[in-house]
Amino acid sequence: SIVFYCLTYLSVPIVLVGHTSSVVGLYWWPQMDYLLVKCDNSSLAVWNMISGSGVLERTVRDSEVMEELICNSDAKNVLLFKHLATPHPPPPPHTAPSTTTTALATGGGGRRGASM
């Protein structure tokens, strides 16, 4: 699962559920408002984020198609997860609001997290 945390309002506005194995990479495709989620079982989930809630449009297993989609994503907004054992905790309640969004990816054998 991918969980987006809004640190401004300390809420969870989006949860993307349906990955069948651990998430190893997130790729943003801003031209069409898509989030590409690479899993360690050699699959790529294509999420349509236009609605603001995330709709899983398809899961790609063809390696050539996966590489083409990843190459067309925005290379500046790529998160790769390696050896992160625990997610980042939410900020304490007394912390000043922030506009930062945190994505937490979990699945398979462990939890992995990263900040955007």
Protein backbone atom coordinates (compact mmCIF):
# COMPACT_ATOMS: atom_id res chain seq x y z
CA SER A 1 0.00 0.00 0.00
CA ILE A 2 1.00 3.60 -0.54
CA VAL A 3 -0.20 6.06 2.09
CA PHE A 4 0.01 9.81 1.55
CA TYR A 5 0.15 11.91 4.72
CA CYS A 6 -0.80 15.57 4.71
CA LEU A 7 1.47 17.15 7.30
CA THR A 8 -0.42 20.44 7.15
CA TYR A 9 -3.64 18.91 8.48
CA LEU A 10 -2.16 15.69 9.95
CA SER A 11 -4.50 13.61 7.83
CA VAL A 12 -4.39 10.73 5.36
CA PRO A 13 -6.05 12.01 2.17
CA ILE A 14 -5.00 9.12 -0.13
CA VAL A 15 -4.35 5.39 0.37
CA LEU A 16 -3.43 3.33 -2.70
CA VAL A 17 -4.15 -0.36 -2.04
CA GLY A 18 -3.69 -3.33 -4.33
CA HIS A 19 0.03 -4.00 -4.70
CA THR A 20 0.85 -7.70 -4.53
CA SER A 21 4.43 -7.32 -3.30
CA SER A 22 6.81 -4.81 -1.72
CA VAL A 23 7.12 -1.39 -3.33
CA VAL A 24 10.65 -0.63 -4.56
CA GLY A 25 10.12 2.60 -6.50
CA LEU A 26 7.71 5.47 -7.15
CA TYR A 27 7.79 7.41 -10.42
CA TRP A 28 5.72 10.52 -11.10
CA TRP A 29 4.38 11.04 -14.61
CA PRO A 30 3.17 14.66 -14.48
CA GLN A 31 2.19 14.91 -18.17
CA MET A 32 -0.88 12.79 -17.46
CA ASP A 33 -1.01 12.95 -13.62
CA TYR A 34 -0.02 9.32 -13.13
CA LEU A 35 1.93 7.65 -10.34
CA LEU A 36 3.90 4.56 -11.38
CA VAL A 37 4.63 2.08 -8.57
CA LYS A 38 7.34 -0.51 -9.19
CA CYS A 39 7.10 -3.67 -7.07
CA ASP A 40 9.74 -6.28 -6.34
CA ASN A 41 7.74 -8.96 -8.22
CA SER A 42 8.67 -7.25 -11.54
CA SER A 43 5.33 -5.48 -11.91
CA LEU A 44 4.44 -1.81 -12.35
CA ALA A 45 1.12 -0.44 -11.07
CA VAL A 46 -0.19 2.55 -13.04
CA TRP A 47 -2.28 4.85 -10.81
CA ASN A 48 -4.41 7.66 -12.28
CA MET A 49 -4.18 10.52 -9.77
CA ILE A 50 -6.40 13.03 -11.63
CA SER A 51 -9.40 12.36 -9.39
CA GLY A 52 -7.34 13.11 -6.28
CA SER A 53 -8.07 9.70 -4.81
CA GLY A 54 -6.08 7.40 -7.09
CA VAL A 55 -7.51 4.79 -9.44
CA LEU A 56 -5.47 1.70 -10.34
CA GLU A 57 -5.74 1.65 -14.13
CA ARG A 58 -3.57 -1.36 -14.86
CA THR A 59 -0.68 -3.52 -13.73
CA VAL A 60 2.12 -3.91 -16.29
CA ARG A 61 4.32 -7.02 -16.31
CA ASP A 62 6.02 -6.60 -19.71
CA SER A 63 9.57 -5.39 -18.93
CA GLU A 64 9.90 -3.38 -22.17
CA VAL A 65 6.66 -1.51 -21.53
CA MET A 66 7.68 -0.94 -17.90
CA GLU A 67 11.02 0.58 -18.91
CA GLU A 68 9.33 2.81 -21.52
CA LEU A 69 6.88 4.15 -18.92
CA ILE A 70 9.62 4.68 -16.34
CA CYS A 71 11.86 6.44 -18.89
CA ASN A 72 8.99 8.83 -19.70
CA SER A 73 8.37 9.65 -16.04
CA ASP A 74 9.76 12.78 -14.40
CA ALA A 75 13.29 11.80 -13.33
CA LYS A 76 13.35 14.63 -10.76
CA ASN A 77 10.50 13.06 -8.79
CA VAL A 78 11.66 9.48 -8.32
CA LEU A 79 11.75 7.63 -5.02
CA LEU A 80 13.61 4.34 -4.80
CA PHE A 81 13.35 2.33 -1.60
CA LYS A 82 16.42 0.48 -0.40
CA HIS A 83 16.95 -1.03 3.04
CA LEU A 84 14.60 1.27 4.93
CA ALA A 85 13.32 -0.76 7.84
CA THR A 86 10.82 1.63 9.43
CA PRO A 87 8.62 4.46 8.17
CA HIS A 88 9.14 8.05 9.21
CA PRO A 89 6.89 8.80 12.21
CA PRO A 90 4.31 11.57 11.91
CA PRO A 91 5.36 14.91 13.42
CA PRO A 92 4.44 15.61 17.06
CA PRO A 93 1.13 17.48 17.51
CA HIS A 94 2.88 20.66 18.67
CA THR A 95 4.96 20.94 15.46
CA ALA A 96 4.11 23.88 13.20
CA PRO A 97 2.13 22.88 10.08
CA SER A 98 4.11 22.03 6.99
CA THR A 99 3.17 21.69 3.34
CA THR A 100 5.38 18.60 2.99
CA THR A 101 3.72 15.37 1.89
CA THR A 102 5.09 12.03 3.01
CA ALA A 103 4.54 8.78 1.12
CA LEU A 104 4.75 5.51 2.99
CA ALA A 105 5.04 2.30 1.04
CA THR A 106 4.42 -1.05 2.69
CA GLY A 107 3.93 -4.57 1.49
CA GLY A 108 5.39 -7.99 1.29
CA GLY A 109 7.97 -8.63 3.98
CA GLY A 110 8.45 -5.20 5.50
CA ARG A 111 7.76 -1.53 5.64
CA ARG A 112 9.56 1.10 3.65
CA GLY A 113 9.07 4.85 3.77
CA ALA A 114 10.30 8.06 2.18
CA SER A 115 9.55 11.75 2.28
CA MET A 116 8.74 13.84 -0.77
